[in-house]
């Protein structure tokens, strides 16, 4: 059985994951309208992945005797300056998600809820991958600079890249 404190923390993480899904969906839509179809495809898949993270939490809370809450969400940004802005936002967002996950893990340890702590380790590992991917994509964009050909290849490469893969 979940303590109220852990249930509240997990419901907060459910909201974070739902917001992540919406945030990536907004970025995908913007990229698609800007002709960045590879980037849009990558971000649509990323949005779906974040939704799956949310569902995993919802099921866990309910299975442990808590009540998962489906949150109301704020409107994500509608426009972005350029592709660099997209991935800068993505990286900043992922570091914020990491901080939220760490807060849940910390609460688990304080409450001595080792079952939930164990469950949350998947999210800890996932965030290492997410931050690494975002950092790598920002590095690639920095290398490309203003080279339109490089941007074309970057966008094309993102078309088939899954959220858990790292570009080389």
N, C-alpha and C. Protein backbone atom coordinates (compact mmCIF):
# COMPACT_ATOMS: atom_id res chain seq x y z
N UNK A 1 0.84 -1.19 0.00
CA UNK A 1 0.00 0.00 0.00
C UNK A 1 0.88 1.24 0.00
N UNK A 2 0.52 2.22 -0.82
CA UNK A 2 1.26 3.47 -0.90
C UNK A 2 0.87 4.40 0.24
N UNK A 3 1.87 5.08 0.78
CA UNK A 3 1.57 6.14 1.74
C UNK A 3 0.99 7.31 0.95
N UNK A 4 0.29 8.20 1.63
CA UNK A 4 -0.28 9.38 0.97
C UNK A 4 0.83 10.25 0.37
N UNK A 5 1.95 10.34 1.08
CA UNK A 5 3.05 11.16 0.60
C UNK A 5 3.60 10.62 -0.73
N UNK A 6 3.77 9.31 -0.82
CA UNK A 6 4.29 8.70 -2.04
C UNK A 6 3.24 8.77 -3.15
N UNK A 7 1.99 8.55 -2.80
CA UNK A 7 0.92 8.67 -3.79
C UNK A 7 0.90 10.07 -4.39
N UNK A 8 1.03 11.07 -3.55
CA UNK A 8 1.06 12.46 -4.01
C UNK A 8 2.27 12.70 -4.90
N UNK A 9 3.43 12.20 -4.50
CA UNK A 9 4.65 12.37 -5.29
C UNK A 9 4.50 11.69 -6.66
N UNK A 10 3.95 10.49 -6.68
CA UNK A 10 3.77 9.78 -7.94
C UNK A 10 2.74 10.48 -8.83
N UNK A 11 1.69 11.01 -8.24
CA UNK A 11 0.72 11.76 -9.03
C UNK A 11 1.35 13.02 -9.61
N UNK A 12 2.26 13.61 -8.88
CA UNK A 12 3.02 14.74 -9.43
C UNK A 12 3.87 14.32 -10.62
N UNK A 13 4.46 13.13 -10.52
CA UNK A 13 5.27 12.63 -11.63
C UNK A 13 4.40 12.27 -12.82
N UNK A 14 3.20 11.79 -12.57
CA UNK A 14 2.25 11.53 -13.65
C UNK A 14 2.00 12.83 -14.42
N UNK A 15 1.78 13.91 -13.69
CA UNK A 15 1.57 15.21 -14.34
C UNK A 15 2.80 15.64 -15.13
N UNK A 16 3.99 15.43 -14.56
CA UNK A 16 5.23 15.78 -15.26
C UNK A 16 5.35 15.02 -16.58
N UNK A 17 5.06 13.73 -16.54
CA UNK A 17 5.16 12.92 -17.76
C UNK A 17 4.10 13.33 -18.78
N UNK A 18 2.90 13.65 -18.32
CA UNK A 18 1.83 14.10 -19.22
C UNK A 18 2.22 15.42 -19.87
N UNK A 19 2.78 16.34 -19.08
CA UNK A 19 3.23 17.62 -19.62
C UNK A 19 4.35 17.41 -20.62
N UNK A 20 5.23 16.47 -20.34
CA UNK A 20 6.31 16.17 -21.28
C UNK A 20 5.75 15.72 -22.62
N UNK A 21 4.77 14.84 -22.57
CA UNK A 21 4.15 14.36 -23.80
C UNK A 21 3.55 15.53 -24.60
N UNK A 22 2.84 16.40 -23.91
CA UNK A 22 2.23 17.57 -24.58
C UNK A 22 3.29 18.53 -25.11
N UNK A 23 4.34 18.71 -24.36
CA UNK A 23 5.43 19.62 -24.74
C UNK A 23 6.08 19.12 -26.03
N UNK A 24 6.38 17.83 -26.10
CA UNK A 24 6.99 17.26 -27.30
C UNK A 24 6.02 17.25 -28.47
N UNK A 25 4.74 17.08 -28.18
CA UNK A 25 3.73 17.14 -29.23
C UNK A 25 3.68 18.54 -29.83
N UNK A 26 3.74 19.56 -29.00
CA UNK A 26 3.75 20.94 -29.49
C UNK A 26 5.00 21.22 -30.33
N UNK A 27 6.15 20.72 -29.88
CA UNK A 27 7.38 20.91 -30.65
C UNK A 27 7.30 20.18 -31.99
N UNK A 28 6.72 18.96 -31.97
CA UNK A 28 6.58 18.18 -33.20
C UNK A 28 5.70 18.91 -34.21
N UNK A 29 4.59 19.44 -33.72
CA UNK A 29 3.67 20.15 -34.61
C UNK A 29 4.35 21.36 -35.22
N UNK A 30 5.08 22.12 -34.43
CA UNK A 30 5.80 23.28 -34.94
C UNK A 30 6.82 22.85 -35.99
N UNK A 31 7.60 21.81 -35.69
CA UNK A 31 8.64 21.34 -36.63
C UNK A 31 8.01 20.90 -37.95
N UNK A 32 6.88 20.21 -37.85
CA UNK A 32 6.21 19.74 -39.07
C UNK A 32 5.78 20.91 -39.95
N UNK A 33 5.28 21.98 -39.35
CA UNK A 33 4.84 23.13 -40.14
C UNK A 33 6.01 23.93 -40.69
N UNK A 34 7.21 23.69 -40.15
CA UNK A 34 8.42 24.37 -40.63
C UNK A 34 9.18 23.55 -41.66
N UNK A 35 8.60 22.40 -42.06
CA UNK A 35 9.27 21.56 -43.06
C UNK A 35 10.34 20.65 -42.50
N UNK A 36 10.40 20.54 -41.18
CA UNK A 36 11.39 19.68 -40.52
C UNK A 36 10.73 18.34 -40.19
N UNK A 37 10.43 17.58 -41.25
CA UNK A 37 9.66 16.35 -41.08
C UNK A 37 10.37 15.28 -40.27
N UNK A 38 11.67 15.17 -40.39
CA UNK A 38 12.42 14.20 -39.59
C UNK A 38 12.38 14.56 -38.12
N UNK A 39 12.57 15.83 -37.83
CA UNK A 39 12.50 16.31 -36.46
C UNK A 39 11.10 16.11 -35.91
N UNK A 40 10.10 16.42 -36.72
CA UNK A 40 8.71 16.23 -36.28
C UNK A 40 8.44 14.77 -35.98
N UNK A 41 8.87 13.88 -36.83
CA UNK A 41 8.66 12.44 -36.63
C UNK A 41 9.31 11.98 -35.33
N UNK A 42 10.55 12.42 -35.11
CA UNK A 42 11.27 12.09 -33.88
C UNK A 42 10.50 12.59 -32.65
N UNK A 43 10.02 13.83 -32.72
CA UNK A 43 9.33 14.42 -31.57
C UNK A 43 7.95 13.81 -31.35
N UNK A 44 7.26 13.43 -32.42
CA UNK A 44 5.98 12.72 -32.25
C UNK A 44 6.21 11.40 -31.52
N UNK A 45 7.26 10.66 -31.92
CA UNK A 45 7.57 9.40 -31.23
C UNK A 45 7.96 9.65 -29.78
N UNK A 46 8.69 10.73 -29.55
CA UNK A 46 9.11 11.09 -28.20
C UNK A 46 7.89 11.42 -27.33
N UNK A 47 6.94 12.12 -27.92
CA UNK A 47 5.69 12.44 -27.21
C UNK A 47 4.98 11.16 -26.80
N UNK A 48 4.89 10.21 -27.73
CA UNK A 48 4.26 8.92 -27.42
C UNK A 48 4.98 8.19 -26.30
N UNK A 49 6.31 8.25 -26.33
CA UNK A 49 7.10 7.58 -25.29
C UNK A 49 6.81 8.19 -23.91
N UNK A 50 6.72 9.51 -23.86
CA UNK A 50 6.43 10.18 -22.59
C UNK A 50 5.03 9.80 -22.08
N UNK A 51 4.09 9.66 -23.00
CA UNK A 51 2.75 9.22 -22.60
C UNK A 51 2.81 7.82 -22.00
N UNK A 52 3.63 6.95 -22.58
CA UNK A 52 3.77 5.59 -22.05
C UNK A 52 4.39 5.63 -20.64
N UNK A 53 5.32 6.56 -20.42
CA UNK A 53 5.89 6.73 -19.08
C UNK A 53 4.79 7.10 -18.09
N UNK A 54 3.89 7.98 -18.51
CA UNK A 54 2.78 8.40 -17.66
C UNK A 54 1.87 7.21 -17.36
N UNK A 55 1.53 6.43 -18.37
CA UNK A 55 0.64 5.28 -18.17
C UNK A 55 1.25 4.24 -17.24
N UNK A 56 2.55 4.05 -17.35
CA UNK A 56 3.25 3.11 -16.48
C UNK A 56 3.10 3.54 -15.02
N UNK A 57 3.21 4.84 -14.77
CA UNK A 57 3.03 5.37 -13.42
C UNK A 57 1.59 5.21 -12.94
N UNK A 58 0.64 5.52 -13.82
CA UNK A 58 -0.78 5.40 -13.45
C UNK A 58 -1.08 3.96 -13.02
N UNK A 59 -0.65 3.01 -13.80
CA UNK A 59 -0.91 1.61 -13.48
C UNK A 59 -0.24 1.21 -12.17
N UNK A 60 0.98 1.68 -11.95
CA UNK A 60 1.69 1.35 -10.71
C UNK A 60 0.94 1.89 -9.49
N UNK A 61 0.53 3.15 -9.55
CA UNK A 61 -0.19 3.76 -8.43
C UNK A 61 -1.46 2.97 -8.14
N UNK A 62 -2.22 2.68 -9.16
CA UNK A 62 -3.47 1.95 -8.96
C UNK A 62 -3.24 0.54 -8.45
N UNK A 63 -2.24 -0.14 -8.96
CA UNK A 63 -1.94 -1.52 -8.52
C UNK A 63 -1.47 -1.56 -7.07
N UNK A 64 -0.88 -0.47 -6.59
CA UNK A 64 -0.38 -0.42 -5.22
C UNK A 64 -1.42 0.11 -4.24
N UNK A 65 -2.66 0.24 -4.67
CA UNK A 65 -3.73 0.65 -3.77
C UNK A 65 -3.96 2.14 -3.70
N UNK A 66 -3.25 2.90 -4.52
CA UNK A 66 -3.46 4.35 -4.55
C UNK A 66 -4.50 4.70 -5.59
N UNK A 67 -4.65 5.99 -5.79
CA UNK A 67 -5.57 6.49 -6.81
C UNK A 67 -4.78 7.43 -7.71
N UNK A 68 -4.53 6.96 -8.93
CA UNK A 68 -3.83 7.79 -9.90
C UNK A 68 -4.76 8.87 -10.40
N UNK A 69 -4.24 10.07 -10.52
CA UNK A 69 -5.02 11.21 -10.99
C UNK A 69 -4.58 11.60 -12.40
N UNK A 70 -5.53 11.77 -13.29
CA UNK A 70 -5.24 12.26 -14.63
C UNK A 70 -5.27 13.78 -14.55
N UNK A 71 -4.13 14.44 -14.77
CA UNK A 71 -4.06 15.87 -14.52
C UNK A 71 -4.60 16.74 -15.65
N UNK A 72 -5.06 17.91 -15.28
CA UNK A 72 -5.33 18.97 -16.25
C UNK A 72 -3.97 19.54 -16.63
N UNK A 73 -3.79 19.89 -17.88
CA UNK A 73 -2.48 20.34 -18.35
C UNK A 73 -2.51 21.78 -18.83
N UNK A 74 -1.39 22.46 -18.62
CA UNK A 74 -1.23 23.82 -19.12
C UNK A 74 -0.91 23.77 -20.61
N UNK A 75 -1.21 24.83 -21.30
CA UNK A 75 -0.89 24.95 -22.73
C UNK A 75 0.63 25.01 -22.90
N UNK A 76 1.21 24.10 -23.69
CA UNK A 76 2.65 24.19 -23.95
C UNK A 76 2.94 25.34 -24.93
N UNK A 77 4.19 25.72 -25.09
CA UNK A 77 4.51 26.77 -26.06
C UNK A 77 4.01 26.38 -27.46
N UNK A 78 3.65 27.38 -28.24
CA UNK A 78 3.12 27.12 -29.59
C UNK A 78 4.14 27.36 -30.68
N UNK A 79 5.07 28.24 -30.41
CA UNK A 79 6.07 28.57 -31.42
C UNK A 79 7.46 28.49 -30.82
N UNK A 80 8.42 28.30 -31.70
CA UNK A 80 9.82 28.21 -31.32
C UNK A 80 10.62 29.02 -32.34
N UNK A 81 11.74 29.52 -31.91
CA UNK A 81 12.56 30.38 -32.77
C UNK A 81 13.12 29.61 -33.97
N UNK A 82 13.69 28.44 -33.67
CA UNK A 82 14.29 27.62 -34.72
C UNK A 82 14.57 26.23 -34.13
N UNK A 83 15.22 25.39 -34.91
CA UNK A 83 15.48 24.02 -34.46
C UNK A 83 16.42 24.00 -33.24
N UNK A 84 17.34 24.94 -33.18
CA UNK A 84 18.22 25.02 -32.01
C UNK A 84 17.41 25.32 -30.75
N UNK A 85 16.44 26.19 -30.89
CA UNK A 85 15.55 26.54 -29.77
C UNK A 85 14.77 25.30 -29.31
N UNK A 86 14.30 24.51 -30.26
CA UNK A 86 13.57 23.27 -29.93
C UNK A 86 14.42 22.38 -29.03
N UNK A 87 15.64 22.11 -29.48
CA UNK A 87 16.46 21.16 -28.74
C UNK A 87 17.05 21.75 -27.46
N UNK A 88 17.20 23.07 -27.40
CA UNK A 88 17.59 23.70 -26.14
C UNK A 88 16.46 23.54 -25.12
N UNK A 89 15.21 23.76 -25.58
CA UNK A 89 14.05 23.53 -24.71
C UNK A 89 13.97 22.07 -24.27
N UNK A 90 14.22 21.16 -25.21
CA UNK A 90 14.14 19.74 -24.91
C UNK A 90 15.15 19.37 -23.81
N UNK A 91 16.38 19.86 -23.96
CA UNK A 91 17.41 19.55 -22.96
C UNK A 91 17.05 20.13 -21.59
N UNK A 92 16.64 21.39 -21.58
CA UNK A 92 16.25 22.02 -20.31
C UNK A 92 15.10 21.26 -19.66
N UNK A 93 14.14 20.88 -20.47
CA UNK A 93 12.98 20.14 -19.95
C UNK A 93 13.42 18.80 -19.36
N UNK A 94 14.29 18.08 -20.05
CA UNK A 94 14.74 16.78 -19.54
C UNK A 94 15.50 16.91 -18.22
N UNK A 95 16.26 17.97 -18.05
CA UNK A 95 16.96 18.15 -16.77
C UNK A 95 15.96 18.45 -15.65
N UNK A 96 14.88 19.16 -15.99
CA UNK A 96 13.83 19.41 -15.00
C UNK A 96 13.10 18.12 -14.63
N UNK A 97 12.85 17.27 -15.62
CA UNK A 97 12.20 15.98 -15.35
C UNK A 97 13.10 15.13 -14.45
N UNK A 98 14.39 15.15 -14.71
CA UNK A 98 15.33 14.42 -13.86
C UNK A 98 15.23 14.88 -12.41
N UNK A 99 15.16 16.19 -12.21
CA UNK A 99 15.05 16.72 -10.86
C UNK A 99 13.76 16.25 -10.19
N UNK A 100 12.66 16.20 -10.95
CA UNK A 100 11.39 15.72 -10.40
C UNK A 100 11.46 14.25 -10.03
N UNK A 101 12.06 13.45 -10.87
CA UNK A 101 12.22 12.03 -10.58
C UNK A 101 13.08 11.85 -9.33
N UNK A 102 14.13 12.62 -9.23
CA UNK A 102 14.99 12.53 -8.04
C UNK A 102 14.23 12.89 -6.76
N UNK A 103 13.29 13.82 -6.85
CA UNK A 103 12.47 14.17 -5.69
C UNK A 103 11.59 12.98 -5.27
N UNK A 104 11.03 12.28 -6.26
CA UNK A 104 10.21 11.11 -5.95
C UNK A 104 11.08 10.03 -5.31
N UNK A 105 12.25 9.79 -5.87
CA UNK A 105 13.16 8.78 -5.32
C UNK A 105 13.56 9.14 -3.89
N UNK A 106 13.85 10.41 -3.67
CA UNK A 106 14.20 10.87 -2.32
C UNK A 106 13.06 10.63 -1.34
N UNK A 107 11.83 10.93 -1.76
CA UNK A 107 10.66 10.70 -0.91
C UNK A 107 10.52 9.21 -0.60
N UNK A 108 10.77 8.36 -1.57
CA UNK A 108 10.69 6.91 -1.35
C UNK A 108 11.68 6.46 -0.28
N UNK A 109 12.88 6.99 -0.35
CA UNK A 109 13.89 6.62 0.65
C UNK A 109 13.50 7.12 2.03
N UNK A 110 13.01 8.35 2.10
CA UNK A 110 12.60 8.90 3.39
C UNK A 110 11.43 8.13 4.00
N UNK A 111 10.53 7.66 3.14
CA UNK A 111 9.36 6.90 3.60
C UNK A 111 9.65 5.41 3.76
N UNK A 112 10.86 5.02 3.39
CA UNK A 112 11.27 3.60 3.40
C UNK A 112 10.34 2.75 2.53
N UNK A 113 9.94 3.31 1.40
CA UNK A 113 9.12 2.60 0.42
C UNK A 113 10.06 2.06 -0.65
N UNK A 114 10.63 0.91 -0.36
CA UNK A 114 11.65 0.33 -1.24
C UNK A 114 11.05 -0.26 -2.51
N UNK A 115 9.79 -0.64 -2.47
CA UNK A 115 9.12 -1.15 -3.67
C UNK A 115 9.00 -0.04 -4.71
N UNK A 116 8.52 1.12 -4.28
CA UNK A 116 8.40 2.24 -5.20
C UNK A 116 9.78 2.74 -5.61
N UNK A 117 10.71 2.73 -4.68
CA UNK A 117 12.09 3.11 -5.01
C UNK A 117 12.62 2.23 -6.13
N UNK A 118 12.41 0.93 -6.01
CA UNK A 118 12.86 0.00 -7.03
C UNK A 118 12.18 0.30 -8.37
N UNK A 119 10.88 0.53 -8.34
CA UNK A 119 10.13 0.86 -9.55
C UNK A 119 10.69 2.13 -10.20
N UNK A 120 11.03 3.12 -9.42
CA UNK A 120 11.50 4.41 -9.93
C UNK A 120 12.89 4.33 -10.56
N UNK A 121 13.64 3.26 -10.27
CA UNK A 121 14.98 3.14 -10.85
C UNK A 121 14.93 3.07 -12.37
N UNK A 122 13.85 2.53 -12.92
CA UNK A 122 13.70 2.51 -14.38
C UNK A 122 13.68 3.94 -14.90
N UNK A 123 12.97 4.83 -14.20
CA UNK A 123 12.88 6.23 -14.62
C UNK A 123 14.23 6.93 -14.47
N UNK A 124 14.96 6.59 -13.43
CA UNK A 124 16.30 7.18 -13.23
C UNK A 124 17.18 6.83 -14.43
N UNK A 125 17.20 5.55 -14.80
CA UNK A 125 18.01 5.11 -15.95
C UNK A 125 17.54 5.75 -17.24
N UNK A 126 16.25 5.83 -17.42
CA UNK A 126 15.67 6.43 -18.62
C UNK A 126 16.11 7.88 -18.75
N UNK A 127 16.16 8.61 -17.64
CA UNK A 127 16.54 10.02 -17.69
C UNK A 127 17.99 10.21 -18.07
N UNK A 128 18.85 9.29 -17.68
CA UNK A 128 20.26 9.37 -18.11
C UNK A 128 20.30 9.32 -19.64
N UNK A 129 19.54 8.38 -20.22
CA UNK A 129 19.49 8.27 -21.68
C UNK A 129 18.89 9.52 -22.31
N UNK A 130 17.82 10.03 -21.72
CA UNK A 130 17.13 11.21 -22.29
C UNK A 130 18.06 12.43 -22.30
N UNK A 131 18.73 12.67 -21.19
CA UNK A 131 19.63 13.83 -21.13
C UNK A 131 20.81 13.66 -22.07
N UNK A 132 21.35 12.46 -22.15
CA UNK A 132 22.47 12.20 -23.05
C UNK A 132 22.06 12.44 -24.49
N UNK A 133 20.90 11.94 -24.87
CA UNK A 133 20.40 12.14 -26.22
C UNK A 133 20.22 13.62 -26.52
N UNK A 134 19.59 14.35 -25.63
CA UNK A 134 19.36 15.79 -25.84
C UNK A 134 20.69 16.53 -25.96
N UNK A 135 21.64 16.21 -25.11
CA UNK A 135 22.96 16.86 -25.15
C UNK A 135 23.67 16.55 -26.46
N UNK A 136 23.58 15.31 -26.92
CA UNK A 136 24.22 14.90 -28.16
C UNK A 136 23.61 15.63 -29.35
N UNK A 137 22.29 15.76 -29.37
CA UNK A 137 21.64 16.47 -30.46
C UNK A 137 22.01 17.95 -30.47
N UNK A 138 22.12 18.55 -29.30
CA UNK A 138 22.57 19.94 -29.23
C UNK A 138 24.00 20.07 -29.75
N UNK A 139 24.86 19.13 -29.40
CA UNK A 139 26.24 19.14 -29.89
C UNK A 139 26.28 19.04 -31.41
N UNK A 140 25.44 18.17 -31.97
CA UNK A 140 25.38 18.02 -33.43
C UNK A 140 24.93 19.33 -34.09
N UNK A 141 23.92 19.95 -33.51
CA UNK A 141 23.45 21.22 -34.06
C UNK A 141 24.52 22.31 -33.97
N UNK A 142 25.30 22.30 -32.91
CA UNK A 142 26.39 23.27 -32.78
C UNK A 142 27.44 23.05 -33.87
N UNK A 143 27.71 21.80 -34.19
CA UNK A 143 28.65 21.48 -35.26
C UNK A 143 28.12 21.94 -36.62
N UNK A 144 26.84 21.80 -36.83
CA UNK A 144 26.21 22.17 -38.09
C UNK A 144 26.24 23.68 -38.29
N UNK A 145 26.01 24.41 -37.20
CA UNK A 145 25.96 25.86 -37.31
C UNK A 145 24.88 26.31 -38.26
N UNK A 146 25.22 27.15 -39.23
CA UNK A 146 24.25 27.68 -40.19
C UNK A 146 24.26 26.92 -41.52
N UNK A 147 24.90 25.78 -41.56
CA UNK A 147 25.01 24.99 -42.79
C UNK A 147 23.67 24.32 -43.12
N UNK A 148 23.01 24.80 -44.17
CA UNK A 148 21.69 24.27 -44.56
C UNK A 148 21.78 22.79 -44.95
N UNK A 149 22.85 22.41 -45.60
CA UNK A 149 23.04 20.99 -45.97
C UNK A 149 23.17 20.12 -44.73
N UNK A 150 23.89 20.61 -43.75
CA UNK A 150 24.04 19.89 -42.50
C UNK A 150 22.71 19.76 -41.77
N UNK A 151 21.91 20.82 -41.80
CA UNK A 151 20.59 20.78 -41.17
C UNK A 151 19.69 19.77 -41.88
N UNK A 152 19.78 19.75 -43.21
CA UNK A 152 18.99 18.78 -43.98
C UNK A 152 19.35 17.36 -43.55
N UNK A 153 20.64 17.06 -43.46
CA UNK A 153 21.08 15.71 -43.06
C UNK A 153 20.69 15.39 -41.61
N UNK A 154 20.81 16.38 -40.73
CA UNK A 154 20.41 16.20 -39.33
C UNK A 154 18.93 15.84 -39.25
N UNK A 155 18.11 16.60 -39.95
CA UNK A 155 16.67 16.36 -39.95
C UNK A 155 16.35 14.98 -40.54
N UNK A 156 17.01 14.64 -41.62
CA UNK A 156 16.79 13.33 -42.25
C UNK A 156 17.19 12.20 -41.30
N UNK A 157 18.30 12.37 -40.59
CA UNK A 157 18.77 11.33 -39.65
C UNK A 157 17.80 11.14 -38.49
N UNK A 158 17.14 12.21 -38.07
CA UNK A 158 16.18 12.12 -36.97
C UNK A 158 14.93 11.34 -37.36
N UNK A 159 14.64 11.28 -38.65
CA UNK A 159 13.43 10.59 -39.13
C UNK A 159 13.36 9.16 -38.58
N UNK A 160 14.46 8.45 -38.62
CA UNK A 160 14.44 7.05 -38.19
C UNK A 160 14.97 6.82 -36.79
N UNK A 161 15.36 7.88 -36.11
CA UNK A 161 15.94 7.76 -34.78
C UNK A 161 14.86 7.60 -33.73
N UNK A 162 14.98 6.58 -32.91
CA UNK A 162 14.03 6.44 -31.82
C UNK A 162 14.54 7.27 -30.65
N UNK A 163 13.66 7.56 -29.72
CA UNK A 163 14.02 8.42 -28.58
C UNK A 163 15.10 7.80 -27.73
N UNK A 164 15.24 6.48 -27.75
CA UNK A 164 16.24 5.83 -26.89
C UNK A 164 17.57 5.60 -27.60
N UNK A 165 17.65 5.93 -28.91
CA UNK A 165 18.90 5.75 -29.63
C UNK A 165 19.73 7.04 -29.55
N UNK A 166 21.03 6.86 -29.63
CA UNK A 166 21.91 8.01 -29.65
C UNK A 166 22.54 8.14 -31.02
N UNK A 167 22.54 9.34 -31.59
CA UNK A 167 23.25 9.51 -32.86
C UNK A 167 24.75 9.38 -32.64
N UNK A 168 25.41 8.92 -33.62
CA UNK A 168 26.87 8.72 -33.53
C UNK A 168 27.58 9.93 -34.09
